[in-house]
Amino acid sequence: MKFFLDTANLSEIREGLALGLVDGVTTNPSLIAREKRPFRPLVEEICALVPGDVSLEVVATDFDGMIKEGEELAQIAPNAVVKCPLTKDGLKAVRHLSGKGIRVNQTLCFSATQALLAAKAGATYISPFLGRLDDIAHVGMDLVRDICAIYRTYGFSTKVLAASIRNPLHVVDAAKAGAHVATMPFAVMEQLMKHPLTDIGLQRFLDDWAKSGSKI
């Protein structure tokens, strides 16, 4: 499973890369706005830092606008992936852009039927938002499992990118379901490496070593 950081913060990206954990990055208009920097220089720097795919989202909601913005975003860097919302015009945009060799991440997916349509339209990635489904008392991970099962059955090449991940259990369950990618905030990535027994065990080793008076 690949790990993407869901962020536009350069410090978080650099730290994730230093850990050797970051395979790519997903951004969205909200994350970009949070950084309070001009859009183009920021995303160019992100794409230059990250060795893998970087999703950059259109803000247009009509077909013509998505095509115009999508083609511009795709020119930013070879690893740029265009994000389009899962709407009627979004599906048309995926079909058009993918037909021109532009890779697309179809975002804001909340049903298996939507995911099936995105795969048929030619999306490179599908982004089911499992955390947001959990928020309204649906089991978001059920959607990830359904999409993975459907894609395996019919041999779709679209990769399942589990999004709106809120905690380490989401990551584990998405991996067990067969999702190709989990995209997460940096705080969740940090939680993945933490366990109280690790901290207790390390402190015990250090205490015993200090008592021994030995040196390396």
Protein backbone atom coordinates (compact mmCIF):
# COMPACT_ATOMS: atom_id res chain seq x y z
CA MET A 1 0.00 0.00 0.00
CA LYS A 2 1.21 3.50 -0.83
CA PHE A 3 0.99 6.35 1.67
CA PHE A 4 0.10 9.83 0.45
CA LEU A 5 0.07 12.93 2.64
CA ASP A 6 -3.13 14.94 2.45
CA THR A 7 -1.57 18.36 2.85
CA ALA A 8 -0.12 21.39 1.11
CA ASN A 9 2.28 22.14 3.97
CA LEU A 10 5.89 21.92 2.83
CA SER A 11 7.28 21.24 6.31
CA GLU A 12 4.99 18.25 6.74
CA ILE A 13 5.92 16.94 3.31
CA ARG A 14 9.65 17.28 3.99
CA GLU A 15 9.31 15.47 7.34
CA GLY A 16 7.27 12.66 5.78
CA LEU A 17 9.85 12.26 3.02
CA ALA A 18 12.68 12.17 5.58
CA LEU A 19 10.86 9.30 7.31
CA GLY A 20 10.72 7.44 4.01
CA LEU A 21 6.95 7.08 4.27
CA VAL A 22 5.56 9.47 1.66
CA ASP A 23 4.85 8.07 -1.81
CA GLY A 24 2.74 11.01 -2.99
CA VAL A 25 0.58 13.96 -1.96
CA THR A 26 -3.05 14.94 -2.32
CA THR A 27 -4.14 18.56 -2.11
CA ASN A 28 -7.47 20.34 -2.36
CA PRO A 29 -8.59 23.99 -2.44
CA SER A 30 -9.06 24.08 1.36
CA LEU A 31 -5.55 22.77 2.05
CA ILE A 32 -4.01 25.17 -0.46
CA ALA A 33 -5.88 28.16 1.02
CA ARG A 34 -4.64 27.25 4.51
CA GLU A 35 -1.02 27.88 3.45
CA LYS A 36 -1.71 31.51 2.45
CA ARG A 37 0.72 31.38 -0.46
CA PRO A 38 0.24 31.99 -4.20
CA PHE A 39 -1.07 28.79 -5.78
CA ARG A 40 1.33 28.19 -8.65
CA PRO A 41 4.67 28.60 -6.82
CA LEU A 42 3.41 26.45 -3.94
CA VAL A 43 2.26 23.49 -6.03
CA GLU A 44 5.35 23.68 -8.23
CA GLU A 45 7.48 23.34 -5.11
CA ILE A 46 5.38 20.43 -3.84
CA CYS A 47 5.67 18.62 -7.17
CA ALA A 48 9.43 19.16 -7.20
CA LEU A 49 9.79 17.77 -3.67
CA VAL A 50 7.61 14.68 -4.04
CA PRO A 51 8.85 11.74 -6.12
CA GLY A 52 5.35 10.32 -6.65
CA ASP A 53 1.98 11.62 -7.77
CA VAL A 54 0.63 14.96 -6.57
CA SER A 55 -3.11 15.55 -6.95
CA LEU A 56 -4.11 19.12 -7.83
CA GLU A 57 -7.82 19.91 -7.85
CA VAL A 58 -9.83 21.97 -10.32
CA VAL A 59 -12.18 24.57 -8.87
CA ALA A 60 -14.42 24.89 -11.91
CA THR A 61 -17.70 22.96 -11.72
CA ASP A 62 -18.65 22.98 -15.41
CA PHE A 63 -17.18 20.71 -18.09
CA ASP A 64 -15.43 23.43 -20.12
CA GLY A 65 -13.94 24.99 -17.00
CA MET A 66 -12.67 21.64 -15.70
CA ILE A 67 -11.04 20.86 -19.03
CA LYS A 68 -9.32 24.25 -19.18
CA GLU A 69 -8.07 24.07 -15.60
CA GLY A 70 -7.22 20.37 -15.85
CA GLU A 71 -5.02 20.88 -18.88
CA GLU A 72 -3.25 23.77 -17.14
CA LEU A 73 -2.68 21.74 -13.95
CA ALA A 74 -1.32 18.79 -15.90
CA GLN A 75 1.38 21.03 -17.37
CA ILE A 76 2.76 22.01 -13.95
CA ALA A 77 4.86 18.86 -13.55
CA PRO A 78 5.09 15.30 -14.91
CA ASN A 79 3.82 13.92 -11.57
CA ALA A 80 0.77 16.21 -11.42
CA VAL A 81 -2.58 14.39 -11.33
CA VAL A 82 -5.77 16.37 -11.95
CA LYS A 83 -8.55 16.05 -9.36
CA CYS A 84 -12.13 16.33 -10.61
CA PRO A 85 -15.29 16.01 -8.50
CA LEU A 86 -17.60 13.06 -9.05
CA THR A 87 -20.38 14.94 -10.80
CA LYS A 88 -21.90 14.55 -14.25
CA ASP A 89 -19.58 17.18 -15.70
CA GLY A 90 -16.73 15.69 -13.65
CA LEU A 91 -17.23 12.32 -15.31
CA LYS A 92 -17.25 13.96 -18.72
CA ALA A 93 -14.03 15.76 -17.81
CA VAL A 94 -12.39 12.50 -16.71
CA ARG A 95 -13.34 10.91 -20.00
CA HIS A 96 -11.94 13.82 -21.99
CA LEU A 97 -8.75 14.33 -19.99
CA SER A 98 -7.89 10.64 -19.74
CA GLY A 99 -8.42 10.37 -23.49
CA LYS A 100 -5.67 12.95 -23.90
CA GLY A 101 -3.30 11.00 -21.64
CA ILE A 102 -3.87 13.19 -18.58
CA ARG A 103 -4.18 11.25 -15.33
CA VAL A 104 -7.18 12.06 -13.17
CA ASN A 105 -8.09 11.49 -9.52
CA GLN A 106 -11.89 11.45 -9.25
CA THR A 107 -12.67 12.86 -5.84
CA LEU A 108 -15.63 13.15 -3.46
CA CYS A 109 -16.81 9.58 -4.05
CA PHE A 110 -19.49 8.39 -1.63
CA SER A 111 -21.02 5.34 -3.32
CA ALA A 112 -19.96 2.19 -5.15
CA THR A 113 -22.06 3.19 -8.15
CA GLN A 114 -20.11 6.45 -8.42
CA ALA A 115 -16.85 4.50 -8.25
CA LEU A 116 -18.00 2.15 -11.00
CA LEU A 117 -18.79 5.10 -13.26
CA ALA A 118 -15.42 6.73 -12.55
CA ALA A 119 -13.58 3.55 -13.52
CA LYS A 120 -15.56 3.25 -16.74
CA ALA A 121 -14.80 6.92 -17.53
CA GLY A 122 -11.07 6.20 -17.23
CA ALA A 123 -10.07 7.66 -13.86
CA THR A 124 -6.54 6.85 -12.69
CA TYR A 125 -7.61 7.09 -9.03
CA ILE A 126 -10.93 6.97 -7.23
CA SER A 127 -11.09 8.73 -3.84
CA PRO A 128 -13.79 7.35 -1.52
CA PHE A 129 -14.19 9.66 1.49
CA LEU A 130 -14.65 7.14 4.27
CA GLY A 131 -14.32 9.50 7.24
CA ARG A 132 -17.09 11.77 5.99
CA LEU A 133 -19.39 8.76 5.65
CA ASP A 134 -18.56 7.76 9.23
CA ASP A 135 -19.58 11.29 10.24
CA ILE A 136 -23.16 10.67 9.07
CA ALA A 137 -23.44 7.23 10.69
CA HIS A 138 -22.51 5.19 7.62
CA VAL A 139 -19.61 2.73 7.66
CA GLY A 140 -17.15 4.36 5.31
CA MET A 141 -14.92 1.31 5.18
CA ASP A 142 -17.77 -0.72 3.69
CA LEU A 143 -17.55 1.56 0.66
CA VAL A 144 -13.81 0.96 0.30
CA ARG A 145 -14.38 -2.81 0.51
CA ASP A 146 -17.18 -2.68 -2.08
CA ILE A 147 -15.11 -0.65 -4.53
CA CYS A 148 -12.10 -2.94 -4.19
CA ALA A 149 -14.29 -6.00 -4.77
CA ILE A 150 -15.95 -4.50 -7.86
CA TYR A 151 -12.66 -3.38 -9.39
CA ARG A 152 -11.08 -6.80 -8.80
CA THR A 153 -14.06 -8.58 -10.35
CA TYR A 154 -13.97 -6.58 -13.56
CA GLY A 155 -10.26 -5.90 -13.78
CA PHE A 156 -10.45 -2.11 -13.73
CA SER A 157 -7.06 -0.40 -13.65
CA THR A 158 -8.38 2.51 -11.54
CA LYS A 159 -6.58 2.61 -8.19
CA VAL A 160 -8.52 2.92 -4.95
CA LEU A 161 -7.23 5.89 -2.96
CA ALA A 162 -8.80 5.78 0.50
CA ALA A 163 -9.37 9.39 1.57
CA SER A 164 -10.78 11.30 4.54
CA ILE A 165 -8.75 9.06 6.82
CA ARG A 166 -9.06 10.05 10.46
CA ASN A 167 -7.10 7.47 12.46
CA PRO A 168 -4.70 4.48 12.24
CA LEU A 169 -7.58 1.96 12.20
CA HIS A 170 -8.79 3.52 8.96
CA VAL A 171 -5.36 2.89 7.45
CA VAL A 172 -5.23 -0.74 8.62
CA ASP A 173 -8.77 -1.49 7.45
CA ALA A 174 -8.15 0.15 4.07
CA ALA A 175 -5.01 -1.95 3.63
CA LYS A 176 -6.90 -5.13 4.53
CA ALA A 177 -9.64 -4.20 2.05
CA GLY A 178 -7.06 -3.92 -0.72
CA ALA A 179 -6.94 -0.15 -1.26
CA HIS A 180 -3.91 0.80 -3.32
CA VAL A 181 -3.31 4.10 -1.51
CA ALA A 182 -4.21 5.72 1.80
CA THR A 183 -3.98 9.50 1.93
CA MET A 184 -3.86 11.00 5.38
CA PRO A 185 -3.00 14.12 7.38
CA PHE A 186 0.51 14.23 8.79
CA ALA A 187 -0.87 13.81 12.33
CA VAL A 188 -2.36 10.44 11.40
CA MET A 189 0.90 9.34 9.78
CA GLU A 190 2.67 10.15 13.05
CA GLN A 191 0.10 8.10 15.00
CA LEU A 192 0.88 5.05 12.87
CA MET A 193 4.34 4.70 14.41
CA LYS A 194 3.30 5.17 18.03
CA HIS A 195 2.50 2.48 20.59
CA PRO A 196 2.63 2.80 24.39
CA LEU A 197 4.40 -0.55 24.76
CA THR A 198 7.18 0.70 22.48
CA ASP A 199 7.70 3.71 24.76
CA ILE A 200 7.59 1.55 27.91
CA GLY A 201 9.99 -1.01 26.46
CA LEU A 202 12.47 1.61 25.30
CA GLN A 203 12.48 3.33 28.68
CA ARG A 204 13.08 -0.02 30.42
CA PHE A 205 16.05 -0.76 28.16
CA LEU A 206 17.51 2.69 28.81
CA ASP A 207 17.05 2.38 32.58
CA ASP A 208 18.74 -1.02 32.65
CA TRP A 209 21.59 0.28 30.51
CA ALA A 210 22.11 3.28 32.80
CA LYS A 211 22.25 1.01 35.84
CA SER A 212 24.87 -1.20 34.20
CA GLY A 213 27.30 1.70 33.78
CA SER A 214 28.31 0.36 30.38
CA LYS A 215 29.21 2.41 27.30
CA ILE A 216 28.98 1.74 23.57
